[in-house]
């Protein structure tokens, strides 16, 4: 995909069995050992903006006890000494801005006053970050808002707001 100024390009995998090494244009980006867990590598340092890139993936399905002692997950086939493996799940390219959020969670509280709190890990480099949370009804009416600032390069951002007029869910009134 095309990238613009300040954008970063990532190669994302749904998973591999058992390990993978990734290269872009001959530059080794790294290795992932993790059974079928998802992982990603940033391609930006290895390619020029909007240039064609050669991506190489070496998947090794053999268990190497010196670096991969995982057993008991999906190991019945391993115990039978049957070779299996490869890329599992989807593989995709993802363009991101210089700063983005991961692991976003929303916590709701009902008593004593309805409220919500949003937590997110901020990834990327920025000298100053501000966030504004707005909670709206399904009709677009603003129910509450909150502001937060963060003065670190990467970290946890937390912002919350009280929602005193929120219509809560019940079997009689299933408001979401």
Protein backbone atom coordinates (compact mmCIF):
# COMPACT_ATOMS: atom_id res chain seq x y z
CA UNK A 1 0.00 0.00 0.00
CA UNK A 2 1.02 3.59 -0.51
CA UNK A 3 2.35 5.47 2.49
CA UNK A 4 2.47 9.20 3.06
CA UNK A 5 4.85 11.39 5.05
CA UNK A 6 5.12 10.24 8.65
CA UNK A 7 3.32 6.95 8.05
CA UNK A 8 4.69 3.56 9.03
CA UNK A 9 4.21 0.21 7.28
CA UNK A 10 3.79 -3.09 9.13
CA UNK A 11 3.68 -6.72 7.99
CA UNK A 12 1.19 -8.59 10.21
CA UNK A 13 0.71 -12.34 10.61
CA UNK A 14 -2.18 -14.25 12.18
CA UNK A 15 0.45 -16.75 13.33
CA UNK A 16 2.97 -19.36 12.24
CA UNK A 17 3.80 -22.79 13.52
CA UNK A 18 6.49 -22.77 15.08
CA UNK A 19 8.84 -19.92 14.22
CA UNK A 20 9.49 -17.43 11.43
CA UNK A 21 12.30 -15.15 10.30
CA UNK A 22 11.38 -12.08 8.25
CA UNK A 23 13.48 -10.07 5.76
CA UNK A 24 12.67 -7.06 3.60
CA UNK A 25 15.02 -6.19 0.74
CA UNK A 26 17.71 -8.38 2.33
CA UNK A 27 17.45 -6.66 5.75
CA UNK A 28 16.62 -9.12 8.53
CA UNK A 29 13.77 -7.64 10.58
CA UNK A 30 13.69 -10.33 13.23
CA UNK A 31 12.36 -13.66 14.36
CA UNK A 32 9.12 -14.74 15.99
CA UNK A 33 8.74 -17.87 18.09
CA UNK A 34 5.24 -18.26 19.31
CA UNK A 35 3.25 -21.14 18.02
CA UNK A 36 0.06 -19.68 16.55
CA UNK A 37 0.14 -16.26 18.24
CA UNK A 38 -0.16 -13.18 16.05
CA UNK A 39 2.87 -10.95 15.45
CA UNK A 40 4.09 -8.09 13.30
CA UNK A 41 7.24 -6.42 12.06
CA UNK A 42 7.68 -2.84 10.90
CA UNK A 43 8.82 -2.64 7.28
CA UNK A 44 9.37 1.14 7.18
CA UNK A 45 13.14 1.13 7.91
CA UNK A 46 13.79 -1.40 5.13
CA UNK A 47 11.96 0.22 2.22
CA UNK A 48 11.79 3.56 0.49
CA UNK A 49 8.41 5.29 0.49
CA UNK A 50 6.04 3.66 -2.02
CA UNK A 51 8.82 1.54 -3.53
CA UNK A 52 8.50 -2.12 -4.46
CA UNK A 53 9.88 -4.38 -1.73
CA UNK A 54 10.98 -7.99 -1.65
CA UNK A 55 9.68 -9.69 1.48
CA UNK A 56 11.03 -13.10 2.50
CA UNK A 57 9.54 -15.30 5.22
CA UNK A 58 11.26 -18.46 6.44
CA UNK A 59 8.93 -20.64 8.51
CA UNK A 60 10.41 -23.49 10.54
CA UNK A 61 7.91 -26.04 11.84
CA UNK A 62 10.44 -28.09 13.79
CA UNK A 63 10.72 -27.74 17.54
CA UNK A 64 14.16 -26.56 18.66
CA UNK A 65 14.32 -27.30 22.37
CA UNK A 66 17.11 -24.79 22.97
CA UNK A 67 14.80 -21.86 22.13
CA UNK A 68 11.25 -23.27 22.02
CA UNK A 69 10.15 -25.50 24.87
CA UNK A 70 6.40 -24.98 24.35
CA UNK A 71 4.54 -28.21 24.90
CA UNK A 72 0.99 -29.03 25.78
CA UNK A 73 -0.70 -26.45 23.54
CA UNK A 74 -1.44 -28.20 20.27
CA UNK A 75 1.26 -30.77 20.67
CA UNK A 76 -0.49 -34.07 19.98
CA UNK A 77 0.88 -33.94 16.46
CA UNK A 78 4.34 -33.03 17.82
CA UNK A 79 4.23 -36.03 20.13
CA UNK A 80 3.45 -38.24 17.14
CA UNK A 81 6.59 -36.87 15.42
CA UNK A 82 4.51 -35.76 12.45
CA UNK A 83 5.88 -32.69 10.65
CA UNK A 84 3.32 -29.95 10.27
CA UNK A 85 3.41 -26.21 10.26
CA UNK A 86 3.46 -23.13 8.13
CA UNK A 87 1.73 -19.78 8.06
CA UNK A 88 -1.51 -19.87 9.97
CA UNK A 89 -4.22 -17.26 9.52
CA UNK A 90 -4.11 -14.14 7.42
CA UNK A 91 -1.08 -12.08 6.40
CA UNK A 92 -1.61 -8.39 5.70
CA UNK A 93 0.11 -5.04 5.31
CA UNK A 94 -1.02 -2.22 7.57
CA UNK A 95 -0.28 1.50 7.25
CA UNK A 96 -0.24 3.40 10.55
CA UNK A 97 0.38 6.99 11.56
CA UNK A 98 3.42 7.97 13.65
CA UNK A 99 1.34 7.54 16.84
CA UNK A 100 -1.47 5.02 17.36
CA UNK A 101 -3.39 3.16 20.05
CA UNK A 102 -3.29 -0.54 20.92
CA UNK A 103 -5.03 -2.66 23.54
CA UNK A 104 -7.95 -0.26 23.94
CA UNK A 105 -10.34 -1.22 26.72
CA UNK A 106 -13.55 0.32 28.03
CA UNK A 107 -14.61 -0.17 31.64
CA UNK A 108 -18.14 0.72 32.66
CA UNK A 109 -19.32 1.43 36.20
CA UNK A 110 -22.97 1.46 37.22
CA UNK A 111 -22.91 2.60 40.87
CA UNK A 112 -22.83 5.03 42.55
CA UNK A 113 -22.88 7.17 39.37
CA UNK A 114 -22.77 5.62 35.87
CA UNK A 115 -19.40 6.28 34.28
CA UNK A 116 -16.88 4.84 31.87
CA UNK A 117 -13.11 4.77 31.70
CA UNK A 118 -11.07 4.12 28.56
CA UNK A 119 -7.50 2.83 28.70
CA UNK A 120 -5.17 2.56 25.71
CA UNK A 121 -1.49 1.96 25.10
CA UNK A 122 -0.06 4.77 23.00
CA UNK A 123 2.60 3.57 20.56
CA UNK A 124 4.88 5.90 18.63
CA UNK A 125 6.80 9.07 19.34
CA UNK A 126 5.27 12.39 20.16
CA UNK A 127 6.39 15.09 22.60
CA UNK A 128 2.87 15.89 23.76
CA UNK A 129 -0.38 14.00 23.45
CA UNK A 130 -3.91 14.92 24.37
CA UNK A 131 -7.04 12.83 24.18
CA UNK A 132 -10.70 13.63 24.44
CA UNK A 133 -13.34 11.03 25.21
CA UNK A 134 -16.93 11.72 24.17
CA UNK A 135 -19.74 9.28 24.92
CA UNK A 136 -22.86 9.70 22.83
CA UNK A 137 -26.25 8.04 22.79
CA UNK A 138 -27.39 6.09 19.75
CA UNK A 139 -29.16 9.29 18.66
CA UNK A 140 -25.94 11.33 18.81
CA UNK A 141 -26.69 13.16 22.08
CA UNK A 142 -23.53 13.79 24.09
CA UNK A 143 -23.82 12.04 27.47
CA UNK A 144 -20.40 12.94 28.86
CA UNK A 145 -16.82 13.84 28.01
CA UNK A 146 -13.38 13.83 29.54
CA UNK A 147 -9.89 15.05 28.66
CA UNK A 148 -6.46 13.61 29.37
CA UNK A 149 -2.89 14.50 28.55
CA UNK A 150 0.24 12.39 28.46
CA UNK A 151 3.79 13.70 28.37
CA UNK A 152 5.74 10.53 27.58
CA UNK A 153 6.81 8.95 24.30
CA UNK A 154 4.96 5.69 24.85
CA UNK A 155 2.69 4.69 27.65
CA UNK A 156 -0.72 4.16 29.04
CA UNK A 157 -3.40 6.76 28.46
CA UNK A 158 -6.44 6.78 30.73
CA UNK A 159 -9.46 9.01 30.38
CA UNK A 160 -12.92 8.77 31.93
CA UNK A 161 -16.22 10.53 32.31
CA UNK A 162 -19.32 10.34 34.47
CA UNK A 163 -22.57 9.54 32.66
CA UNK A 164 -25.31 10.64 35.09
CA UNK A 165 -28.02 10.64 32.41
CA UNK A 166 -27.11 7.36 30.71
CA UNK A 167 -30.01 4.98 30.21
CA UNK A 168 -28.82 1.71 31.69
CA UNK A 169 -29.59 -1.73 30.28
CA UNK A 170 -32.25 -3.95 31.81
CA UNK A 171 -34.45 -6.75 30.40
CA UNK A 172 -37.36 -4.30 30.41
CA UNK A 173 -35.34 -1.51 28.74
CA UNK A 174 -32.47 -3.08 26.72
CA UNK A 175 -30.56 0.17 26.07
CA UNK A 176 -27.08 -0.18 24.65
